[in-house]
Amino acid sequence: MFRQRPHLLWLLIPFVLFLVAPPWVNRVDPLVLGLPFLAFWLLASTLLTPVAVWLAYRGDQRLLRRREAAAGTGTGAEAR
């Protein structure tokens, strides 16, 4: 599946940030912006998740346009 749609690998970023990394970043001692490091990590992860989802969506849209162009069928959205 990832050979045909490699842009979906962007969706692994939230998984890694929220589920895999916290055991290694569970620290209180560097304070970043006045927050313990784990709290900063979770905040940054929350802000990066929509970016990863948008990148996957954008890749899907590009793939759809390429497939439509190859098949010669347009949705009519190009005329707008």
PDB file of N, CA and C in Angstrom:
ATOM      1  N   MET A   1       0.819  -1.188   0.000  1.00  0.00           N
ATOM      2  CA  MET A   1       0.000   0.000   0.000  1.00  0.00           C
ATOM      3  C   MET A   1       0.868   1.260   0.000  1.00  0.00           C
ATOM      4  N   PHE A   2       1.972   1.235   0.741  1.00  0.00           N
ATOM      5  CA  PHE A   2       2.808   2.423   0.821  1.00  0.00           C
ATOM      6  C   PHE A   2       3.625   2.633  -0.449  1.00  0.00           C
ATOM      7  N   ARG A   3       3.753   1.594  -1.270  1.00  0.00           N
ATOM      8  CA  ARG A   3       4.443   1.788  -2.550  1.00  0.00           C
ATOM      9  C   ARG A   3       3.605   2.656  -3.481  1.00  0.00           C
ATOM     10  N   GLN A   4       2.302   2.484  -3.426  1.00  0.00           N
ATOM     11  CA  GLN A   4       1.418   3.270  -4.277  1.00  0.00           C
ATOM     12  C   GLN A   4       1.115   4.632  -3.674  1.00  0.00           C
ATOM     13  N   ARG A   5       1.132   4.721  -2.363  1.00  0.00           N
ATOM     14  CA  ARG A   5       0.782   5.976  -1.680  1.00  0.00           C
ATOM     15  C   ARG A   5       1.797   6.280  -0.576  1.00  0.00           C
ATOM     16  N   PRO A   6       3.049   6.593  -0.950  1.00  0.00           N
ATOM     17  CA  PRO A   6       4.082   6.818   0.068  1.00  0.00           C
ATOM     18  C   PRO A   6       3.820   8.042   0.945  1.00  0.00           C
ATOM     19  N   HIS A   7       2.993   8.966   0.482  1.00  0.00           N
ATOM     20  CA  HIS A   7       2.699  10.163   1.270  1.00  0.00           C
ATOM     21  C   HIS A   7       1.951   9.815   2.560  1.00  0.00           C
ATOM     22  N   LEU A   8       1.371   8.627   2.636  1.00  0.00           N
ATOM     23  CA  LEU A   8       0.679   8.232   3.869  1.00  0.00           C
ATOM     24  C   LEU A   8       1.653   7.961   5.018  1.00  0.00           C
ATOM     25  N   LEU A   9       2.929   7.855   4.709  1.00  0.00           N
ATOM     26  CA  LEU A   9       3.922   7.687   5.776  1.00  0.00           C
ATOM     27  C   LEU A   9       3.968   8.905   6.693  1.00  0.00           C
ATOM     28  N   TRP A  10       3.492  10.058   6.203  1.00  0.00           N
ATOM     29  CA  TRP A  10       3.407  11.245   7.067  1.00  0.00           C
ATOM     30  C   TRP A  10       2.538  10.967   8.290  1.00  0.00           C
ATOM     31  N   LEU A  11       1.579  10.053   8.165  1.00  0.00           N
ATOM     32  CA  LEU A  11       0.675   9.761   9.273  1.00  0.00           C
ATOM     33  C   LEU A  11       1.355   8.964  10.381  1.00  0.00           C
ATOM     34  N   LEU A  12       2.563   8.487  10.149  1.00  0.00           N
ATOM     35  CA  LEU A  12       3.313   7.814  11.210  1.00  0.00           C
ATOM     36  C   LEU A  12       3.917   8.812  12.196  1.00  0.00           C
ATOM     37  N   ILE A  13       4.062  10.048  11.770  1.00  0.00           N
ATOM     38  CA  ILE A  13       4.678  11.056  12.651  1.00  0.00           C
ATOM     39  C   ILE A  13       3.881  11.242  13.945  1.00  0.00           C
ATOM     40  N   PRO A  14       2.553  11.460  13.906  1.00  0.00           N
ATOM     41  CA  PRO A  14       1.822  11.601  15.169  1.00  0.00           C
ATOM     42  C   PRO A  14       1.921  10.341  16.039  1.00  0.00           C
ATOM     43  N   PHE A  15       1.886   9.176  15.401  1.00  0.00           N
ATOM     44  CA  PHE A  15       2.010   7.925  16.154  1.00  0.00           C
ATOM     45  C   PHE A  15       3.329   7.891  16.919  1.00  0.00           C
ATOM     46  N   VAL A  16       4.396   8.213  16.236  1.00  0.00           N
ATOM     47  CA  VAL A  16       5.715   8.190  16.876  1.00  0.00           C
ATOM     48  C   VAL A  16       5.810   9.259  17.955  1.00  0.00           C
ATOM     49  N   LEU A  17       5.338  10.454  17.651  1.00  0.00           N
ATOM     50  CA  LEU A  17       5.455  11.554  18.607  1.00  0.00           C
ATOM     51  C   LEU A  17       4.667  11.307  19.893  1.00  0.00           C
ATOM     52  N   PHE A  18       3.477  10.716  19.775  1.00  0.00           N
ATOM     53  CA  PHE A  18       2.631  10.533  20.956  1.00  0.00           C
ATOM     54  C   PHE A  18       2.826   9.199  21.664  1.00  0.00           C
ATOM     55  N   LEU A  19       3.147   8.141  20.932  1.00  0.00           N
ATOM     56  CA  LEU A  19       3.164   6.825  21.557  1.00  0.00           C
ATOM     57  C   LEU A  19       4.545   6.207  21.711  1.00  0.00           C
ATOM     58  N   VAL A  20       5.452   6.493  20.815  1.00  0.00           N
ATOM     59  CA  VAL A  20       6.763   5.848  20.870  1.00  0.00           C
ATOM     60  C   VAL A  20       7.766   6.683  21.653  1.00  0.00           C
ATOM     61  N   ALA A  21       7.783   7.973  21.428  1.00  0.00           N
ATOM     62  CA  ALA A  21       8.811   8.825  22.007  1.00  0.00           C
ATOM     63  C   ALA A  21       8.644   9.183  23.489  1.00  0.00           C
ATOM     64  N   PRO A  22       7.451   9.308  24.057  1.00  0.00           N
ATOM     65  CA  PRO A  22       7.349   9.786  25.444  1.00  0.00           C
ATOM     66  C   PRO A  22       8.178   9.042  26.487  1.00  0.00           C
ATOM     67  N   PRO A  23       8.368   7.739  26.408  1.00  0.00           N
ATOM     68  CA  PRO A  23       9.248   7.141  27.419  1.00  0.00           C
ATOM     69  C   PRO A  23      10.672   7.711  27.407  1.00  0.00           C
ATOM     70  N   TRP A  24      11.129   8.201  26.272  1.00  0.00           N
ATOM     71  CA  TRP A  24      12.479   8.751  26.182  1.00  0.00           C
ATOM     72  C   TRP A  24      12.517  10.247  26.461  1.00  0.00           C
ATOM     73  N   VAL A  25      11.398  10.922  26.348  1.00  0.00           N
ATOM     74  CA  VAL A  25      11.398  12.371  26.584  1.00  0.00           C
ATOM     75  C   VAL A  25      10.742  12.731  27.915  1.00  0.00           C
ATOM     76  N   ASN A  26      10.426  11.740  28.706  1.00  0.00           N
ATOM     77  CA  ASN A  26       9.770  11.992  29.987  1.00  0.00           C
ATOM     78  C   ASN A  26      10.792  12.543  30.988  1.00  0.00           C
ATOM     79  N   ARG A  27      11.053  13.820  30.855  1.00  0.00           N
ATOM     80  CA  ARG A  27      12.022  14.513  31.705  1.00  0.00           C
ATOM     81  C   ARG A  27      11.376  15.785  32.238  1.00  0.00           C
ATOM     82  N   VAL A  28      11.773  16.178  33.387  1.00  0.00           N
ATOM     83  CA  VAL A  28      11.308  17.445  33.927  1.00  0.00           C
ATOM     84  C   VAL A  28      12.370  18.498  33.652  1.00  0.00           C
ATOM     85  N   ASP A  29      13.614  18.046  33.624  1.00  0.00           N
ATOM     86  CA  ASP A  29      14.701  19.029  33.637  1.00  0.00           C
ATOM     87  C   ASP A  29      15.164  19.601  32.352  1.00  0.00           C
ATOM     88  N   PRO A  30      15.021  19.599  31.263  1.00  0.00           N
ATOM     89  CA  PRO A  30      15.206  20.936  30.719  1.00  0.00           C
ATOM     90  C   PRO A  30      13.846  21.604  30.664  1.00  0.00           C
ATOM     91  N   LEU A  31      13.790  22.798  31.108  1.00  0.00           N
ATOM     92  CA  LEU A  31      12.565  23.586  30.957  1.00  0.00           C
ATOM     93  C   LEU A  31      12.610  24.292  29.602  1.00  0.00           C
ATOM     94  N   VAL A  32      11.582  24.148  28.847  1.00  0.00           N
ATOM     95  CA  VAL A  32      11.496  24.792  27.535  1.00  0.00           C
ATOM     96  C   VAL A  32      10.272  25.698  27.566  1.00  0.00           C
ATOM     97  N   LEU A  33      10.500  26.975  27.381  1.00  0.00           N
ATOM     98  CA  LEU A  33       9.433  27.978  27.455  1.00  0.00           C
ATOM     99  C   LEU A  33       8.691  27.897  28.789  1.00  0.00           C
ATOM    100  N   GLY A  34       9.405  27.566  29.830  1.00  0.00           N
ATOM    101  CA  GLY A  34       8.819  27.484  31.161  1.00  0.00           C
ATOM    102  C   GLY A  34       8.046  26.208  31.425  1.00  0.00           C
ATOM    103  N   LEU A  35       8.055  25.278  30.488  1.00  0.00           N
ATOM    104  CA  LEU A  35       7.344  24.010  30.640  1.00  0.00           C
ATOM    105  C   LEU A  35       8.334  22.872  30.845  1.00  0.00           C
ATOM    106  N   PRO A  36       7.943  21.883  31.630  1.00  0.00           N
ATOM    107  CA  PRO A  36       8.781  20.683  31.666  1.00  0.00           C
ATOM    108  C   PRO A  36       8.876  20.104  30.260  1.00  0.00           C
ATOM    109  N   PHE A  37       9.958  19.405  29.971  1.00  0.00           N
ATOM    110  CA  PHE A  37      10.202  18.953  28.612  1.00  0.00           C
ATOM    111  C   PHE A  37       9.078  18.081  28.072  1.00  0.00           C
ATOM    112  N   LEU A  38       8.507  17.191  28.904  1.00  0.00           N
ATOM    113  CA  LEU A  38       7.425  16.327  28.431  1.00  0.00           C
ATOM    114  C   LEU A  38       6.203  17.146  28.030  1.00  0.00           C
ATOM    115  N   ALA A  39       5.854  18.162  28.805  1.00  0.00           N
ATOM    116  CA  ALA A  39       4.705  19.007  28.463  1.00  0.00           C
ATOM    117  C   ALA A  39       4.966  19.758  27.159  1.00  0.00           C
ATOM    118  N   PHE A  40       6.182  20.257  26.987  1.00  0.00           N
ATOM    119  CA  PHE A  40       6.539  20.928  25.741  1.00  0.00           C
ATOM    120  C   PHE A  40       6.476  19.945  24.574  1.00  0.00           C
ATOM    121  N   TRP A  41       6.959  18.723  24.774  1.00  0.00           N
ATOM    122  CA  TRP A  41       6.936  17.699  23.732  1.00  0.00           C
ATOM    123  C   TRP A  41       5.496  17.418  23.278  1.00  0.00           C
ATOM    124  N   LEU A  42       4.601  17.253  24.230  1.00  0.00           N
ATOM    125  CA  LEU A  42       3.207  16.969  23.894  1.00  0.00           C
ATOM    126  C   LEU A  42       2.547  18.157  23.196  1.00  0.00           C
ATOM    127  N   LEU A  43       2.880  19.360  23.618  1.00  0.00           N
ATOM    128  CA  LEU A  43       2.350  20.550  22.957  1.00  0.00           C
ATOM    129  C   LEU A  43       2.857  20.630  21.520  1.00  0.00           C
ATOM    130  N   ALA A  44       4.144  20.427  21.325  1.00  0.00           N
ATOM    131  CA  ALA A  44       4.717  20.465  19.979  1.00  0.00           C
ATOM    132  C   ALA A  44       4.131  19.349  19.108  1.00  0.00           C
ATOM    133  N   SER A  45       3.934  18.179  19.685  1.00  0.00           N
ATOM    134  CA  SER A  45       3.349  17.060  18.939  1.00  0.00           C
ATOM    135  C   SER A  45       1.931  17.381  18.504  1.00  0.00           C
ATOM    136  N   THR A  46       1.178  18.009  19.389  1.00  0.00           N
ATOM    137  CA  THR A  46      -0.191  18.385  19.065  1.00  0.00           C
ATOM    138  C   THR A  46      -0.219  19.407  17.925  1.00  0.00           C
ATOM    139  N   LEU A  47       0.742  20.303  17.898  1.00  0.00           N
ATOM    140  CA  LEU A  47       0.791  21.307  16.839  1.00  0.00           C
ATOM    141  C   LEU A  47       1.306  20.722  15.520  1.00  0.00           C
ATOM    142  N   LEU A  48       2.133  19.684  15.572  1.00  0.00           N
ATOM    143  CA  LEU A  48       2.668  19.074  14.358  1.00  0.00           C
ATOM    144  C   LEU A  48       1.713  18.067  13.714  1.00  0.00           C
ATOM    145  N   THR A  49       0.781  17.526  14.485  1.00  0.00           N
ATOM    146  CA  THR A  49      -0.138  16.518  13.955  1.00  0.00           C
ATOM    147  C   THR A  49      -0.978  17.044  12.787  1.00  0.00           C
ATOM    148  N   PRO A  50      -1.604  18.211  12.868  1.00  0.00           N
ATOM    149  CA  PRO A  50      -2.366  18.685  11.699  1.00  0.00           C
ATOM    150  C   PRO A  50      -1.491  18.909  10.474  1.00  0.00           C
ATOM    151  N   VAL A  51      -0.232  19.274  10.675  1.00  0.00           N
ATOM    152  CA  VAL A  51       0.680  19.459   9.539  1.00  0.00           C
ATOM    153  C   VAL A  51       0.911  18.120   8.844  1.00  0.00           C
ATOM    154  N   ALA A  52       1.123  17.057   9.619  1.00  0.00           N
ATOM    155  CA  ALA A  52       1.337  15.731   9.036  1.00  0.00           C
ATOM    156  C   ALA A  52       0.093  15.247   8.299  1.00  0.00           C
ATOM    157  N   VAL A  53      -1.074  15.483   8.867  1.00  0.00           N
ATOM    158  CA  VAL A  53      -2.320  15.075   8.215  1.00  0.00           C
ATOM    159  C   VAL A  53      -2.514  15.877   6.926  1.00  0.00           C
ATOM    160  N   TRP A  54      -2.205  17.157   6.940  1.00  0.00           N
ATOM    161  CA  TRP A  54      -2.334  17.989   5.740  1.00  0.00           C
ATOM    162  C   TRP A  54      -1.386  17.506   4.645  1.00  0.00           C
ATOM    163  N   LEU A  55      -0.152  17.139   5.016  1.00  0.00           N
ATOM    164  CA  LEU A  55       0.792  16.642   4.018  1.00  0.00           C
ATOM    165  C   LEU A  55       0.298  15.342   3.388  1.00  0.00           C
ATOM    166  N   ALA A  56      -0.296  14.462   4.182  1.00  0.00           N
ATOM    167  CA  ALA A  56      -0.857  13.224   3.642  1.00  0.00           C
ATOM    168  C   ALA A  56      -2.033  13.526   2.722  1.00  0.00           C
ATOM    169  N   TYR A  57      -2.876  14.448   3.118  1.00  0.00           N
ATOM    170  CA  TYR A  57      -4.022  14.850   2.294  1.00  0.00           C
ATOM    171  C   TYR A  57      -3.555  15.452   0.972  1.00  0.00           C
ATOM    172  N   ARG A  58      -2.559  16.324   1.045  1.00  0.00           N
ATOM    173  CA  ARG A  58      -2.037  16.955  -0.159  1.00  0.00           C
ATOM    174  C   ARG A  58      -1.456  15.912  -1.115  1.00  0.00           C
ATOM    175  N   GLY A  59      -0.771  14.924  -0.572  1.00  0.00           N
ATOM    176  CA  GLY A  59      -0.244  13.852  -1.403  1.00  0.00           C
ATOM    177  C   GLY A  59      -1.347  13.051  -2.052  1.00  0.00           C
ATOM    178  N   ASP A  60      -2.432  12.796  -1.326  1.00  0.00           N
ATOM    179  CA  ASP A  60      -3.572  12.076  -1.900  1.00  0.00           C
ATOM    180  C   ASP A  60      -4.206  12.878  -3.034  1.00  0.00           C
ATOM    181  N   GLN A  61      -4.329  14.191  -2.853  1.00  0.00           N
ATOM    182  CA  GLN A  61      -4.920  15.025  -3.895  1.00  0.00           C
ATOM    183  C   GLN A  61      -4.055  15.039  -5.147  1.00  0.00           C
ATOM    184  N   ARG A  62      -2.739  15.112  -4.973  1.00  0.00           N
ATOM    185  CA  ARG A  62      -1.839  15.085  -6.127  1.00  0.00           C
ATOM    186  C   ARG A  62      -1.931  13.749  -6.857  1.00  0.00           C
ATOM    187  N   LEU A  63      -1.984  12.667  -6.109  1.00  0.00           N
ATOM    188  CA  LEU A  63      -2.104  11.348  -6.720  1.00  0.00           C
ATOM    189  C   LEU A  63      -3.417  11.234  -7.492  1.00  0.00           C
ATOM    190  N   LEU A  64      -4.492  11.726  -6.932  1.00  0.00           N
ATOM    191  CA  LEU A  64      -5.784  11.693  -7.601  1.00  0.00           C
ATOM    192  C   LEU A  64      -5.746  12.488  -8.906  1.00  0.00           C
ATOM    193  N   ARG A  65      -5.138  13.676  -8.868  1.00  0.00           N
ATOM    194  CA  ARG A  65      -5.032  14.483 -10.092  1.00  0.00           C
ATOM    195  C   ARG A  65      -4.193  13.785 -11.152  1.00  0.00           C
ATOM    196  N   ARG A  66      -3.085  13.149 -10.734  1.00  0.00           N
ATOM    197  CA  ARG A  66      -2.246  12.431 -11.689  1.00  0.00           C
ATOM    198  C   ARG A  66      -2.998  11.270 -12.320  1.00  0.00           C
ATOM    199  N   ARG A  67      -3.755  10.538 -11.504  1.00  0.00           N
ATOM    200  CA  ARG A  67      -4.513   9.408 -12.039  1.00  0.00           C
ATOM    201  C   ARG A  67      -5.608   9.874 -12.986  1.00  0.00           C
ATOM    202  N   GLU A  68      -6.266  10.981 -12.663  1.00  0.00           N
ATOM    203  CA  GLU A  68      -7.299  11.520 -13.547  1.00  0.00           C
ATOM    204  C   GLU A  68      -6.691  11.988 -14.860  1.00  0.00           C
ATOM    205  N   ALA A  69      -5.535  12.633 -14.783  1.00  0.00           N
ATOM    206  CA  ALA A  69      -4.882  13.099 -16.007  1.00  0.00           C
ATOM    207  C   ALA A  69      -4.442  11.927 -16.861  1.00  0.00           C
ATOM    208  N   ALA A  70      -3.951  10.870 -16.242  1.00  0.00           N
ATOM    209  CA  ALA A  70      -3.525   9.690 -16.998  1.00  0.00           C
ATOM    210  C   ALA A  70      -4.701   8.980 -17.637  1.00  0.00           C
ATOM    211  N   ALA A  71      -5.838   8.991 -16.967  1.00  0.00           N
ATOM    212  CA  ALA A  71      -7.024   8.330 -17.499  1.00  0.00           C
ATOM    213  C   ALA A  71      -7.772   9.226 -18.488  1.00  0.00           C
ATOM    214  N   GLY A  72      -7.468  10.512 -18.482  1.00  0.00           N
ATOM    215  CA  GLY A  72      -8.128  11.435 -19.388  1.00  0.00           C
ATOM    216  C   GLY A  72      -9.490  11.871 -18.933  1.00  0.00           C
ATOM    217  N   THR A  73      -9.812  11.632 -17.666  1.00  0.00           N
ATOM    218  CA  THR A  73     -11.107  12.047 -17.142  1.00  0.00           C
ATOM    219  C   THR A  73     -10.890  13.117 -16.095  1.00  0.00           C
ATOM    220  N   GLY A  74     -11.524  14.243 -16.275  1.00  0.00           N
ATOM    221  CA  GLY A  74     -11.442  15.329 -15.305  1.00  0.00           C
ATOM    222  C   GLY A  74     -12.766  15.452 -14.579  1.00  0.00           C
ATOM    223  N   THR A  75     -12.726  16.076 -13.441  1.00  0.00           N
ATOM    224  CA  THR A  75     -13.956  16.252 -12.673  1.00  0.00           C
ATOM    225  C   THR A  75     -14.656  17.544 -13.023  1.00  0.00           C
ATOM    226  N   GLY A  76     -14.045  18.343 -13.866  1.00  0.00           N
ATOM    227  CA  GLY A  76     -14.636  19.635 -14.190  1.00  0.00           C
ATOM    228  C   GLY A  76     -14.167  20.728 -13.258  1.00  0.00           C
ATOM    229  N   ALA A  77     -13.406  20.388 -12.258  1.00  0.00           N
ATOM    230  CA  ALA A  77     -12.917  21.380 -11.299  1.00  0.00           C
ATOM    231  C   ALA A  77     -11.836  22.248 -11.938  1.00  0.00           C
ATOM    232  N   GLU A  78     -11.217  21.774 -13.028  1.00  0.00           N
ATOM    233  CA  GLU A  78     -10.162  22.549 -13.659  1.00  0.00           C
ATOM    234  C   GLU A  78     -10.714  23.812 -14.314  1.00  0.00           C
ATOM    235  N   ALA A  79     -11.985  23.767 -14.728  1.00  0.00           N
ATOM    236  CA  ALA A  79     -12.578  24.906 -15.409  1.00  0.00           C
ATOM    237  C   ALA A  79     -12.885  26.056 -14.471  1.00  0.00           C
ATOM    238  N   ARG A  80     -12.964  25.775 -13.197  1.00  0.00           N
ATOM    239  CA  ARG A  80     -13.291  26.830 -12.233  1.00  0.00           C
ATOM    240  C   ARG A  80     -12.138  27.694 -11.923  1.00  0.00           C
TER     241      ARG A  80
END
